[in-house]
Amino acid sequence: MIAADGVMFDLDGTLILSDRALGGYQVLPGAVDLLHDLDRRGMPFVALTNGSAYPASQQGPRLRALGLPIPDDRLFTPNSVAAGLFAGRGLRRVMVLGTEGVRDALEGEGISTCAPGDARADAVYIAWHPDCAMADIHAACAAVLDGAALYSASDVPFFASKSGRAFGYSCAIGGAVARVTGVEPEVTGKPSQAALRFVAGKLGVPVDRVAVVGDDPKVETIMARTGGAIGIGVTTGTTSAAEWAAVPDAERPTAVIAGVADLATLLFEGGATARRAPPVAPPTPTRRGPADAA
């Protein structure tokens, strides 16, 4: 059995598959029944997606319409983590390279935002921005060169969709800004340790008792392994069973299951015995590997 007191789920590739435009969702087999089972057993769970396009108040109802019992207060994005970091670090005004949904999410957490080009920005935050223009990148670079802190929702380029791997924008935009300024963005979503600590706090359990369930060894698994949490890999997204088997020992999850339908057995019925793997060193930032949309 897995010695977990709370569960964090990835969304794309783990509980659902989105289309490339993020306009529609397909629930993966077993996801609805599993979440109801966790509720019945009193096992707390949250979902943390690297998708930053929508706040929970918009995305949550869409997921519940498909039968997934995820309340808004259990659904989080990199914007959720970022807002806490900004507030805690006294960053009063944040230039957002992202959609209206990104700005709404931060404003809803009490963070003052501004459009690219505002010279008063204390920080630049790069998120889901499919309409990003060169003027936006120029403005972000200018702000960073003037001393603004640089943050990004995600630094990995792909997420699992119904049509295969789909492109994540914040990686490319952040890469452009970093190349010009020499400043690497601090990632607020997975696999950052800030995101893991945020999740543990929302679950109300110690980090080492959190089961992190996801489809990407470079995202959820690395986050779990680095922080000493429990990593559970699934094969329903970007990583096949053969690809999981080829992951180096130092980066391998505690267990790999075919999909979330098998998680209850792992958690409650002793269908598999797994020990928590020792933590690994934090990964060097790269721009390779799949992840959720950001």
C-alpha atoms as a PDB file:
ATOM      1  CA  MET A   1       0.000   0.000   0.000  1.00  0.00           C
ATOM      2  CA  ILE A   2       0.927   3.655  -0.437  1.00  0.00           C
ATOM      3  CA  ALA A   3       1.178   5.534   2.852  1.00  0.00           C
ATOM      4  CA  ALA A   4      -0.660   8.667   1.730  1.00  0.00           C
ATOM      5  CA  ASP A   5      -2.993  10.959   3.677  1.00  0.00           C
ATOM      6  CA  GLY A   6      -3.958  13.163   0.735  1.00  0.00           C
ATOM      7  CA  VAL A   7      -3.849  13.105  -3.058  1.00  0.00           C
ATOM      8  CA  MET A   8      -2.939  15.714  -5.673  1.00  0.00           C
ATOM      9  CA  PHE A   9      -4.144  15.016  -9.210  1.00  0.00           C
ATOM     10  CA  ASP A  10      -2.851  16.424 -12.439  1.00  0.00           C
ATOM     11  CA  LEU A  11      -5.683  17.157 -14.891  1.00  0.00           C
ATOM     12  CA  ASP A  12      -4.671  16.747 -18.548  1.00  0.00           C
ATOM     13  CA  GLY A  13      -3.610  13.170 -19.167  1.00  0.00           C
ATOM     14  CA  THR A  14      -4.611  12.019 -15.684  1.00  0.00           C
ATOM     15  CA  LEU A  15      -8.272  12.870 -15.018  1.00  0.00           C
ATOM     16  CA  ILE A  16      -9.215  14.371 -18.390  1.00  0.00           C
ATOM     17  CA  LEU A  17      -8.055  15.048 -21.924  1.00  0.00           C
ATOM     18  CA  SER A  18      -8.698  18.514 -23.376  1.00  0.00           C
ATOM     19  CA  ASP A  19      -8.843  19.541 -26.981  1.00  0.00           C
ATOM     20  CA  ARG A  20      -5.968  21.673 -28.232  1.00  0.00           C
ATOM     21  CA  ALA A  21      -7.967  24.904 -27.885  1.00  0.00           C
ATOM     22  CA  LEU A  22      -8.954  24.025 -24.275  1.00  0.00           C
ATOM     23  CA  GLY A  23     -12.590  24.330 -25.246  1.00  0.00           C
ATOM     24  CA  GLY A  24     -13.747  20.795 -24.481  1.00  0.00           C
ATOM     25  CA  TYR A  25     -12.922  17.951 -22.106  1.00  0.00           C
ATOM     26  CA  GLN A  26     -13.101  14.160 -22.142  1.00  0.00           C
ATOM     27  CA  VAL A  27     -13.114  12.376 -18.776  1.00  0.00           C
ATOM     28  CA  LEU A  28     -10.676   9.483 -18.548  1.00  0.00           C
ATOM     29  CA  PRO A  29     -11.951   6.051 -17.469  1.00  0.00           C
ATOM     30  CA  GLY A  30     -12.483   5.582 -13.753  1.00  0.00           C
ATOM     31  CA  ALA A  31     -11.903   9.211 -12.786  1.00  0.00           C
ATOM     32  CA  VAL A  32     -15.454  10.008 -11.652  1.00  0.00           C
ATOM     33  CA  ASP A  33     -15.858   6.840  -9.596  1.00  0.00           C
ATOM     34  CA  LEU A  34     -12.444   7.284  -7.995  1.00  0.00           C
ATOM     35  CA  LEU A  35     -13.096  10.837  -6.794  1.00  0.00           C
ATOM     36  CA  HIS A  36     -16.451   9.806  -5.330  1.00  0.00           C
ATOM     37  CA  ASP A  37     -14.700   6.887  -3.609  1.00  0.00           C
ATOM     38  CA  LEU A  38     -12.068   9.186  -2.091  1.00  0.00           C
ATOM     39  CA  ASP A  39     -14.806  11.446  -0.763  1.00  0.00           C
ATOM     40  CA  ARG A  40     -16.646   8.499   0.776  1.00  0.00           C
ATOM     41  CA  ARG A  41     -13.453   7.342   2.471  1.00  0.00           C
ATOM     42  CA  GLY A  42     -12.611  10.822   3.759  1.00  0.00           C
ATOM     43  CA  MET A  43      -9.357  11.027   1.780  1.00  0.00           C
ATOM     44  CA  PRO A  44      -8.712  14.689   0.894  1.00  0.00           C
ATOM     45  CA  PHE A  45      -7.766  15.456  -2.692  1.00  0.00           C
ATOM     46  CA  VAL A  46      -7.071  18.467  -4.885  1.00  0.00           C
ATOM     47  CA  ALA A  47      -6.370  18.966  -8.569  1.00  0.00           C
ATOM     48  CA  LEU A  48      -3.438  21.112  -9.680  1.00  0.00           C
ATOM     49  CA  THR A  49      -3.111  21.787 -13.389  1.00  0.00           C
ATOM     50  CA  ASN A  50      -0.346  23.703 -15.128  1.00  0.00           C
ATOM     51  CA  GLY A  51      -3.098  25.171 -17.287  1.00  0.00           C
ATOM     52  CA  SER A  52      -3.341  28.851 -16.407  1.00  0.00           C
ATOM     53  CA  ALA A  53      -5.947  29.955 -18.958  1.00  0.00           C
ATOM     54  CA  TYR A  54      -8.967  29.856 -16.635  1.00  0.00           C
ATOM     55  CA  PRO A  55      -9.590  30.478 -12.937  1.00  0.00           C
ATOM     56  CA  ALA A  56     -11.262  27.709 -10.944  1.00  0.00           C
ATOM     57  CA  SER A  57     -14.563  29.592 -11.036  1.00  0.00           C
ATOM     58  CA  GLN A  58     -14.659  29.047 -14.825  1.00  0.00           C
ATOM     59  CA  GLN A  59     -13.006  25.652 -15.165  1.00  0.00           C
ATOM     60  CA  GLY A  60     -14.640  24.005 -12.158  1.00  0.00           C
ATOM     61  CA  PRO A  61     -18.222  24.115 -13.488  1.00  0.00           C
ATOM     62  CA  ARG A  62     -17.072  22.606 -16.793  1.00  0.00           C
ATOM     63  CA  LEU A  63     -15.451  19.684 -15.000  1.00  0.00           C
ATOM     64  CA  ARG A  64     -18.470  19.141 -12.748  1.00  0.00           C
ATOM     65  CA  ALA A  65     -20.748  19.157 -15.799  1.00  0.00           C
ATOM     66  CA  LEU A  66     -18.842  16.050 -16.905  1.00  0.00           C
ATOM     67  CA  GLY A  67     -19.417  14.388 -13.545  1.00  0.00           C
ATOM     68  CA  LEU A  68     -16.060  15.117 -11.890  1.00  0.00           C
ATOM     69  CA  PRO A  69     -16.831  16.120  -8.285  1.00  0.00           C
ATOM     70  CA  ILE A  70     -14.117  18.770  -7.953  1.00  0.00           C
ATOM     71  CA  PRO A  71     -15.308  21.881  -6.087  1.00  0.00           C
ATOM     72  CA  ASP A  72     -13.727  25.208  -6.975  1.00  0.00           C
ATOM     73  CA  ASP A  73     -11.889  25.224  -3.659  1.00  0.00           C
ATOM     74  CA  ARG A  74     -10.086  21.983  -4.599  1.00  0.00           C
ATOM     75  CA  LEU A  75      -9.037  23.104  -8.093  1.00  0.00           C
ATOM     76  CA  PHE A  76      -5.827  25.085  -8.477  1.00  0.00           C
ATOM     77  CA  THR A  77      -3.569  26.476 -11.184  1.00  0.00           C
ATOM     78  CA  PRO A  78      -0.111  28.081 -11.250  1.00  0.00           C
ATOM     79  CA  ASN A  79      -1.957  31.380 -10.810  1.00  0.00           C
ATOM     80  CA  SER A  80      -3.057  30.208  -7.365  1.00  0.00           C
ATOM     81  CA  VAL A  81       0.545  29.542  -6.355  1.00  0.00           C
ATOM     82  CA  ALA A  82       1.798  32.743  -7.975  1.00  0.00           C
ATOM     83  CA  ALA A  83      -0.655  34.940  -6.077  1.00  0.00           C
ATOM     84  CA  GLY A  84       0.659  33.645  -2.764  1.00  0.00           C
ATOM     85  CA  LEU A  85       4.270  34.204  -3.826  1.00  0.00           C
ATOM     86  CA  PHE A  86       3.555  37.736  -5.026  1.00  0.00           C
ATOM     87  CA  ALA A  87       1.739  38.686  -1.838  1.00  0.00           C
ATOM     88  CA  GLY A  88       4.371  37.131   0.402  1.00  0.00           C
ATOM     89  CA  ARG A  89       7.203  38.921  -1.418  1.00  0.00           C
ATOM     90  CA  GLY A  90       5.554  42.334  -1.449  1.00  0.00           C
ATOM     91  CA  LEU A  91       5.169  42.506  -5.242  1.00  0.00           C
ATOM     92  CA  ARG A  92       2.411  45.066  -5.519  1.00  0.00           C
ATOM     93  CA  ARG A  93       1.929  45.352  -9.276  1.00  0.00           C
ATOM     94  CA  VAL A  94       2.398  42.490 -11.737  1.00  0.00           C
ATOM     95  CA  MET A  95       2.652  42.794 -15.519  1.00  0.00           C
ATOM     96  CA  VAL A  96       0.728  39.834 -16.967  1.00  0.00           C
ATOM     97  CA  LEU A  97       1.473  38.229 -20.303  1.00  0.00           C
ATOM     98  CA  GLY A  98      -1.649  36.112 -20.400  1.00  0.00           C
ATOM     99  CA  THR A  99      -5.344  35.971 -21.119  1.00  0.00           C
ATOM    100  CA  GLU A 100      -8.088  37.805 -19.293  1.00  0.00           C
ATOM    101  CA  GLY A 101      -8.643  34.601 -17.297  1.00  0.00           C
ATOM    102  CA  VAL A 102      -5.090  34.808 -15.945  1.00  0.00           C
ATOM    103  CA  ARG A 103      -5.545  38.422 -14.890  1.00  0.00           C
ATOM    104  CA  ASP A 104      -8.935  37.659 -13.331  1.00  0.00           C
ATOM    105  CA  ALA A 105      -7.440  34.825 -11.297  1.00  0.00           C
ATOM    106  CA  LEU A 106      -4.701  37.028  -9.866  1.00  0.00           C
ATOM    107  CA  GLU A 107      -7.027  39.969  -9.246  1.00  0.00           C
ATOM    108  CA  GLY A 108      -9.375  37.595  -7.442  1.00  0.00           C
ATOM    109  CA  GLU A 109      -6.528  36.784  -5.056  1.00  0.00           C
ATOM    110  CA  GLY A 110      -5.914  40.459  -4.366  1.00  0.00           C
ATOM    111  CA  ILE A 111      -2.985  40.966  -6.754  1.00  0.00           C
ATOM    112  CA  SER A 112      -2.929  44.203  -8.758  1.00  0.00           C
ATOM    113  CA  THR A 113      -2.136  43.497 -12.418  1.00  0.00           C
ATOM    114  CA  CYS A 114      -1.232  45.627 -15.408  1.00  0.00           C
ATOM    115  CA  ALA A 115      -0.857  45.191 -19.143  1.00  0.00           C
ATOM    116  CA  PRO A 116       2.511  44.800 -20.899  1.00  0.00           C
ATOM    117  CA  GLY A 117       4.249  48.157 -21.172  1.00  0.00           C
ATOM    118  CA  ASP A 118       3.322  49.516 -17.756  1.00  0.00           C
ATOM    119  CA  ALA A 119       6.565  50.894 -16.331  1.00  0.00           C
ATOM    120  CA  ARG A 120       5.338  50.535 -12.744  1.00  0.00           C
ATOM    121  CA  ALA A 121       5.450  46.733 -12.680  1.00  0.00           C
ATOM    122  CA  ASP A 122       7.299  45.041  -9.792  1.00  0.00           C
ATOM    123  CA  ALA A 123       7.147  41.663 -11.529  1.00  0.00           C
ATOM    124  CA  VAL A 124       6.378  40.047 -14.877  1.00  0.00           C
ATOM    125  CA  TYR A 125       4.203  36.917 -14.952  1.00  0.00           C
ATOM    126  CA  ILE A 126       4.069  34.793 -18.123  1.00  0.00           C
ATOM    127  CA  ALA A 127       1.112  32.425 -18.481  1.00  0.00           C
ATOM    128  CA  TRP A 128      -1.295  31.090 -21.134  1.00  0.00           C
ATOM    129  CA  HIS A 129      -1.030  33.652 -23.934  1.00  0.00           C
ATOM    130  CA  PRO A 130      -1.807  32.279 -27.416  1.00  0.00           C
ATOM    131  CA  ASP A 131      -2.125  35.826 -28.794  1.00  0.00           C
ATOM    132  CA  CYS A 132       1.247  37.005 -27.509  1.00  0.00           C
ATOM    133  CA  ALA A 133       2.848  39.593 -29.807  1.00  0.00           C
ATOM    134  CA  MET A 134       6.417  40.818 -30.100  1.00  0.00           C
ATOM    135  CA  ALA A 135       5.355  44.041 -28.390  1.00  0.00           C
ATOM    136  CA  ASP A 136       4.406  41.988 -25.309  1.00  0.00           C
ATOM    137  CA  ILE A 137       7.787  40.237 -25.259  1.00  0.00           C
ATOM    138  CA  HIS A 138       9.579  43.554 -25.713  1.00  0.00           C
ATOM    139  CA  ALA A 139       7.660  45.074 -22.805  1.00  0.00           C
ATOM    140  CA  ALA A 140       8.415  42.100 -20.576  1.00  0.00           C
ATOM    141  CA  CYS A 141      12.117  42.232 -21.406  1.00  0.00           C
ATOM    142  CA  ALA A 142      12.248  45.961 -20.722  1.00  0.00           C
ATOM    143  CA  ALA A 143      10.584  45.517 -17.336  1.00  0.00           C
ATOM    144  CA  VAL A 144      12.939  42.702 -16.320  1.00  0.00           C
ATOM    145  CA  LEU A 145      15.988  44.662 -17.430  1.00  0.00           C
ATOM    146  CA  ASP A 146      14.698  47.513 -15.278  1.00  0.00           C
ATOM    147  CA  GLY A 147      14.598  45.230 -12.252  1.00  0.00           C
ATOM    148  CA  ALA A 148      11.201  43.524 -12.291  1.00  0.00           C
ATOM    149  CA  ALA A 149      11.157  39.932 -11.040  1.00  0.00           C
ATOM    150  CA  LEU A 150      10.322  37.285 -13.663  1.00  0.00           C
ATOM    151  CA  TYR A 151       7.851  34.437 -13.127  1.00  0.00           C
ATOM    152  CA  SER A 152       6.280  31.830 -15.398  1.00  0.00           C
ATOM    153  CA  ALA A 153       3.316  29.514 -14.962  1.00  0.00           C
ATOM    154  CA  SER A 154       5.181  26.640 -16.611  1.00  0.00           C
ATOM    155  CA  ASP A 155       8.524  25.946 -18.263  1.00  0.00           C
ATOM    156  CA  VAL A 156       7.661  22.778 -20.201  1.00  0.00           C
ATOM    157  CA  PRO A 157       6.331  22.904 -23.745  1.00  0.00           C
ATOM    158  CA  PHE A 158       3.594  20.290 -24.167  1.00  0.00           C
ATOM    159  CA  PHE A 159       0.476  18.915 -22.496  1.00  0.00           C
ATOM    160  CA  ALA A 160      -1.628  15.853 -23.228  1.00  0.00           C
ATOM    161  CA  SER A 161      -4.705  16.488 -25.364  1.00  0.00           C
ATOM    162  CA  LYS A 162      -7.253  14.392 -27.235  1.00  0.00           C
ATOM    163  CA  SER A 163      -5.176  14.979 -30.382  1.00  0.00           C
ATOM    164  CA  GLY A 164      -1.813  14.181 -28.843  1.00  0.00           C
ATOM    165  CA  ARG A 165       0.750  16.614 -27.495  1.00  0.00           C
ATOM    166  CA  ALA A 166      -0.381  20.239 -27.553  1.00  0.00           C
ATOM    167  CA  PHE A 167       1.762  23.334 -27.251  1.00  0.00           C
ATOM    168  CA  GLY A 168       2.208  25.244 -23.995  1.00  0.00           C
ATOM    169  CA  TYR A 169       2.814  28.939 -24.602  1.00  0.00           C
ATOM    170  CA  SER A 170       4.477  30.147 -21.421  1.00  0.00           C
ATOM    171  CA  CYS A 171       7.553  27.995 -22.083  1.00  0.00           C
ATOM    172  CA  ALA A 172       8.235  29.644 -25.441  1.00  0.00           C
ATOM    173  CA  ILE A 173       7.486  33.159 -24.222  1.00  0.00           C
ATOM    174  CA  GLY A 174       9.572  32.689 -21.087  1.00  0.00           C
ATOM    175  CA  GLY A 175      12.409  31.325 -23.201  1.00  0.00           C
ATOM    176  CA  ALA A 176      12.397  34.446 -25.356  1.00  0.00           C
ATOM    177  CA  VAL A 177      12.470  36.769 -22.362  1.00  0.00           C
ATOM    178  CA  ALA A 178      15.199  34.729 -20.677  1.00  0.00           C
ATOM    179  CA  ARG A 179      17.343  34.726 -23.828  1.00  0.00           C
ATOM    180  CA  VAL A 180      17.212  38.520 -24.062  1.00  0.00           C
ATOM    181  CA  THR A 181      17.541  39.385 -20.380  1.00  0.00           C
ATOM    182  CA  GLY A 182      19.688  36.534 -19.057  1.00  0.00           C
ATOM    183  CA  VAL A 183      17.107  36.016 -16.287  1.00  0.00           C
ATOM    184  CA  GLU A 184      15.409  32.628 -15.990  1.00  0.00           C
ATOM    185  CA  PRO A 185      11.772  32.814 -14.850  1.00  0.00           C
ATOM    186  CA  GLU A 186      10.814  31.325 -11.505  1.00  0.00           C
ATOM    187  CA  VAL A 187       8.174  28.684 -12.211  1.00  0.00           C
ATOM    188  CA  THR A 188       5.041  28.811 -10.067  1.00  0.00           C
ATOM    189  CA  GLY A 189       3.346  25.651 -11.395  1.00  0.00           C
ATOM    190  CA  LYS A 190       4.565  22.069 -11.458  1.00  0.00           C
ATOM    191  CA  PRO A 191       7.290  20.898 -10.864  1.00  0.00           C
ATOM    192  CA  SER A 192       8.167  23.758  -8.503  1.00  0.00           C
ATOM    193  CA  GLN A 193       8.501  23.071  -4.812  1.00  0.00           C
ATOM    194  CA  ALA A 194       6.379  26.150  -4.173  1.00  0.00           C
ATOM    195  CA  ALA A 195       3.549  24.288  -5.909  1.00  0.00           C
ATOM    196  CA  LEU A 196       4.132  21.155  -3.822  1.00  0.00           C
ATOM    197  CA  ARG A 197       4.137  23.115  -0.564  1.00  0.00           C
ATOM    198  CA  PHE A 198       0.978  24.917  -1.696  1.00  0.00           C
ATOM    199  CA  VAL A 199      -0.761  21.600  -2.371  1.00  0.00           C
ATOM    200  CA  ALA A 200       0.284  20.095   0.972  1.00  0.00           C
ATOM    201  CA  GLY A 201      -1.074  23.165   2.730  1.00  0.00           C
ATOM    202  CA  LYS A 202      -4.419  22.920   0.952  1.00  0.00           C
ATOM    203  CA  LEU A 203      -4.653  19.200   1.770  1.00  0.00           C
ATOM    204  CA  GLY A 204      -3.639  19.836   5.374  1.00  0.00           C
ATOM    205  CA  VAL A 205      -1.117  16.983   5.393  1.00  0.00           C
ATOM    206  CA  PRO A 206       2.698  16.824   5.513  1.00  0.00           C
ATOM    207  CA  VAL A 207       4.461  16.876   2.160  1.00  0.00           C
ATOM    208  CA  ASP A 208       5.760  13.330   2.630  1.00  0.00           C
ATOM    209  CA  ARG A 209       2.193  12.046   2.983  1.00  0.00           C
ATOM    210  CA  VAL A 210       0.997  13.580  -0.313  1.00  0.00           C
ATOM    211  CA  ALA A 211       0.476  11.247  -3.287  1.00  0.00           C
ATOM    212  CA  VAL A 212       1.171  13.200  -6.483  1.00  0.00           C
ATOM    213  CA  VAL A 213      -0.606  11.553  -9.430  1.00  0.00           C
ATOM    214  CA  GLY A 214       0.338  12.554 -12.969  1.00  0.00           C
ATOM    215  CA  ASP A 215       1.331  11.482 -16.461  1.00  0.00           C
ATOM    216  CA  ASP A 216       4.727  13.179 -16.819  1.00  0.00           C
ATOM    217  CA  PRO A 217       8.019  12.056 -15.265  1.00  0.00           C
ATOM    218  CA  LYS A 218       9.518  15.517 -15.833  1.00  0.00           C
ATOM    219  CA  VAL A 219       6.678  17.323 -14.090  1.00  0.00           C
ATOM    220  CA  GLU A 220       4.637  15.568 -11.375  1.00  0.00           C
ATOM    221  CA  THR A 221       7.188  12.842 -10.640  1.00  0.00           C
ATOM    222  CA  ILE A 222      10.135  15.233 -10.355  1.00  0.00           C
ATOM    223  CA  MET A 223       8.081  17.531  -8.135  1.00  0.00           C
ATOM    224  CA  ALA A 224       7.238  14.623  -5.837  1.00  0.00           C
ATOM    225  CA  ARG A 225      10.724  13.093  -5.797  1.00  0.00           C
ATOM    226  CA  THR A 226      12.468  16.408  -5.160  1.00  0.00           C
ATOM    227  CA  GLY A 227      10.203  17.243  -2.228  1.00  0.00           C
ATOM    228  CA  GLY A 228       9.977  13.801  -0.684  1.00  0.00           C
ATOM    229  CA  ALA A 229       6.331  13.225  -1.615  1.00  0.00           C
ATOM    230  CA  ILE A 230       4.887  10.054  -3.189  1.00  0.00           C
ATOM    231  CA  GLY A 231       4.913   9.977  -6.987  1.00  0.00           C
ATOM    232  CA  ILE A 232       2.309   7.935  -8.883  1.00  0.00           C
ATOM    233  CA  GLY A 233       2.592   7.720 -12.667  1.00  0.00           C
ATOM    234  CA  VAL A 234      -0.267   6.956 -15.061  1.00  0.00           C
ATOM    235  CA  THR A 235      -0.124   5.828 -18.689  1.00  0.00           C
ATOM    236  CA  THR A 236      -3.207   7.700 -19.930  1.00  0.00           C
ATOM    237  CA  GLY A 237      -1.392  10.875 -20.997  1.00  0.00           C
ATOM    238  CA  THR A 238       1.997  11.638 -22.469  1.00  0.00           C
ATOM    239  CA  THR A 239       3.951   8.677 -21.060  1.00  0.00           C
ATOM    240  CA  SER A 240       3.405   5.029 -22.013  1.00  0.00           C
ATOM    241  CA  ALA A 241       4.154   2.059 -19.768  1.00  0.00           C
ATOM    242  CA  ALA A 242       7.314   1.383 -21.780  1.00  0.00           C
ATOM    243  CA  GLU A 243       8.436   4.992 -21.402  1.00  0.00           C
ATOM    244  CA  TRP A 244       7.829   4.886 -17.642  1.00  0.00           C
ATOM    245  CA  ALA A 245       9.919   1.717 -17.457  1.00  0.00           C
ATOM    246  CA  ALA A 246      12.776   3.521 -19.195  1.00  0.00           C
ATOM    247  CA  VAL A 247      12.823   6.419 -16.725  1.00  0.00           C
ATOM    248  CA  PRO A 248      16.126   6.470 -14.778  1.00  0.00           C
ATOM    249  CA  ASP A 249      15.917   5.046 -11.266  1.00  0.00           C
ATOM    250  CA  ALA A 250      16.665   8.427  -9.712  1.00  0.00           C
ATOM    251  CA  GLU A 251      13.595   9.928 -11.429  1.00  0.00           C
ATOM    252  CA  ARG A 252      11.198   6.982 -11.239  1.00  0.00           C
ATOM    253  CA  PRO A 253       7.880   7.372  -9.383  1.00  0.00           C
ATOM    254  CA  THR A 254       6.962   5.311  -6.359  1.00  0.00           C
ATOM    255  CA  ALA A 255       4.507   3.357  -8.518  1.00  0.00           C
ATOM    256  CA  VAL A 256       3.076   3.338 -12.043  1.00  0.00           C
ATOM    257  CA  ILE A 257      -0.551   2.406 -12.723  1.00  0.00           C
ATOM    258  CA  ALA A 258      -2.454   2.120 -15.981  1.00  0.00           C
ATOM    259  CA  GLY A 259      -4.860   4.890 -14.988  1.00  0.00           C
ATOM    260  CA  VAL A 260      -6.613   6.476 -12.034  1.00  0.00           C
ATOM    261  CA  ALA A 261      -9.154   3.634 -11.974  1.00  0.00           C
ATOM    262  CA  ASP A 262      -6.395   1.576 -10.309  1.00  0.00           C
ATOM    263  CA  LEU A 263      -5.509   4.140  -7.643  1.00  0.00           C
ATOM    264  CA  ALA A 264      -7.988   3.033  -4.973  1.00  0.00           C
ATOM    265  CA  THR A 265      -6.445  -0.435  -4.954  1.00  0.00           C
ATOM    266  CA  LEU A 266      -3.015   1.089  -4.485  1.00  0.00           C
ATOM    267  CA  LEU A 267      -4.153   3.392  -1.702  1.00  0.00           C
ATOM    268  CA  PHE A 268      -6.542   1.206   0.267  1.00  0.00           C
ATOM    269  CA  GLU A 269      -6.464  -2.455  -0.686  1.00  0.00           C
ATOM    270  CA  GLY A 270      -2.804  -3.368  -0.764  1.00  0.00           C
ATOM    271  CA  GLY A 271      -2.898  -4.273  -4.423  1.00  0.00           C
ATOM    272  CA  ALA A 272       0.676  -3.074  -4.738  1.00  0.00           C
ATOM    273  CA  THR A 273       3.412  -2.504  -2.217  1.00  0.00           C
ATOM    274  CA  ALA A 274       5.579   0.525  -2.757  1.00  0.00           C
ATOM    275  CA  ARG A 275       8.008   2.477  -0.652  1.00  0.00           C
ATOM    276  CA  ARG A 276       8.665   6.158  -0.966  1.00  0.00           C
ATOM    277  CA  ALA A 277      11.773   6.723  -3.037  1.00  0.00           C
ATOM    278  CA  PRO A 278      14.461   9.006  -1.617  1.00  0.00           C
ATOM    279  CA  PRO A 279      14.364  12.647  -2.707  1.00  0.00           C
ATOM    280  CA  VAL A 280      16.388  13.720  -5.701  1.00  0.00           C
ATOM    281  CA  ALA A 281      18.162  16.994  -6.351  1.00  0.00           C
ATOM    282  CA  PRO A 282      15.996  19.701  -7.937  1.00  0.00           C
ATOM    283  CA  PRO A 283      16.167  19.444 -11.734  1.00  0.00           C
ATOM    284  CA  THR A 284      18.090  21.913 -13.816  1.00  0.00           C
ATOM    285  CA  PRO A 285      15.492  23.989 -15.727  1.00  0.00           C
ATOM    286  CA  THR A 286      14.942  22.680 -19.232  1.00  0.00           C
ATOM    287  CA  ARG A 287      12.437  23.305 -21.944  1.00  0.00           C
ATOM    288  CA  ARG A 288      11.857  19.691 -22.901  1.00  0.00           C
ATOM    289  CA  GLY A 289       9.073  17.323 -21.914  1.00  0.00           C
ATOM    290  CA  PRO A 290       5.273  17.427 -21.800  1.00  0.00           C
ATOM    291  CA  ALA A 291       3.066  19.146 -19.282  1.00  0.00           C
ATOM    292  CA  ASP A 292      -0.324  20.718 -18.903  1.00  0.00           C
ATOM    293  CA  ALA A 293      -1.239  23.810 -20.873  1.00  0.00           C
ATOM    294  CA  ALA A 294       0.305  27.013 -19.616  1.00  0.00           C
END
